[in-house]
Amino acid sequence: MTVLRSTVILVAISLVAAGCGGSDETKSSVSAKDRIAACLEQQPDATQGDCEGWEKDRQLGDDGKHQDHESMS
């Protein structure tokens, strides 16, 4: 009985772990180039380098907005 319980628990943990930790890049249909272009359009005070850096750090939304941009003054 203990072996069966251990096996069931191991399988359950494996299934949960397999569904977690996916890459953010696979969830978006928007390319990095499009996010950078939208960033420049949405935030006229941002430079190309700013937007590229934010994209590299995964801080740009699909709409091109920097996650913390509103708090930056």
Protein backbone atom coordinates (compact mmCIF):
# COMPACT_ATOMS: atom_id res chain seq x y z
CA MET A 1 0.00 0.00 0.00
CA THR A 2 2.85 2.39 0.82
CA VAL A 3 4.48 1.78 -2.56
CA LEU A 4 1.21 2.52 -4.35
CA ARG A 5 0.72 5.73 -2.37
CA SER A 6 4.30 6.83 -3.06
CA THR A 7 3.88 6.12 -6.76
CA VAL A 8 0.65 8.11 -6.97
CA ILE A 9 2.22 11.05 -5.13
CA LEU A 10 5.30 10.97 -7.37
CA VAL A 11 3.16 10.92 -10.52
CA ALA A 12 1.00 13.79 -9.23
CA ILE A 13 4.05 15.91 -8.40
CA SER A 14 5.57 15.17 -11.81
CA LEU A 15 2.39 16.23 -13.61
CA VAL A 16 2.21 19.48 -11.65
CA ALA A 17 5.90 20.21 -12.28
CA ALA A 18 5.52 19.53 -16.00
CA GLY A 19 2.82 22.20 -16.27
CA CYS A 20 4.80 24.87 -14.42
CA GLY A 21 7.67 27.10 -15.43
CA GLY A 22 6.97 27.50 -19.11
CA SER A 23 8.74 30.21 -21.03
CA ASP A 24 6.96 33.57 -21.32
CA GLU A 25 8.07 33.79 -24.93
CA THR A 26 5.89 30.84 -25.93
CA LYS A 27 2.77 32.52 -24.52
CA SER A 28 3.00 35.59 -26.73
CA SER A 29 2.26 35.84 -30.41
CA VAL A 30 3.89 39.28 -30.58
CA SER A 31 7.52 39.41 -31.68
CA ALA A 32 10.22 41.29 -29.82
CA LYS A 33 10.56 43.64 -32.79
CA ASP A 34 6.84 44.48 -32.64
CA ARG A 35 6.99 45.08 -28.86
CA ILE A 36 9.95 47.44 -29.31
CA ALA A 37 8.16 49.34 -32.09
CA ALA A 38 5.04 49.62 -29.92
CA CYS A 39 7.22 50.76 -26.99
CA LEU A 40 8.62 53.63 -29.06
CA GLU A 41 5.12 54.57 -30.16
CA GLN A 42 3.51 54.31 -26.70
CA GLN A 43 6.32 56.09 -24.84
CA PRO A 44 7.77 58.96 -26.88
CA ASP A 45 10.26 59.75 -24.12
CA ALA A 46 11.83 56.28 -24.42
CA THR A 47 14.80 55.71 -26.71
CA GLN A 48 15.38 52.71 -28.96
CA GLY A 49 17.99 51.54 -26.45
CA ASP A 50 15.54 51.88 -23.56
CA CYS A 51 12.95 49.75 -25.32
CA GLU A 52 15.49 47.14 -26.41
CA GLY A 53 16.81 46.90 -22.86
CA TRP A 54 13.34 46.54 -21.40
CA GLU A 55 12.55 43.84 -23.98
CA LYS A 56 15.75 42.00 -23.12
CA ASP A 57 14.79 42.14 -19.43
CA ARG A 58 11.25 40.93 -20.32
CA GLN A 59 9.71 44.12 -18.97
CA LEU A 60 7.65 45.01 -22.05
CA GLY A 61 4.05 43.97 -22.43
CA ASP A 62 2.67 42.88 -25.79
CA ASP A 63 1.28 46.40 -26.15
CA GLY A 64 4.80 47.84 -25.84
CA LYS A 65 4.30 49.37 -22.40
CA HIS A 66 7.10 49.11 -19.90
CA GLN A 67 5.81 47.45 -16.73
CA ASP A 68 7.02 50.21 -14.40
CA HIS A 69 6.92 53.12 -16.83
CA GLU A 70 4.06 54.96 -15.13
CA SER A 71 6.01 55.07 -11.86
CA MET A 72 9.07 56.50 -13.66
CA SER A 73 8.99 60.27 -13.57
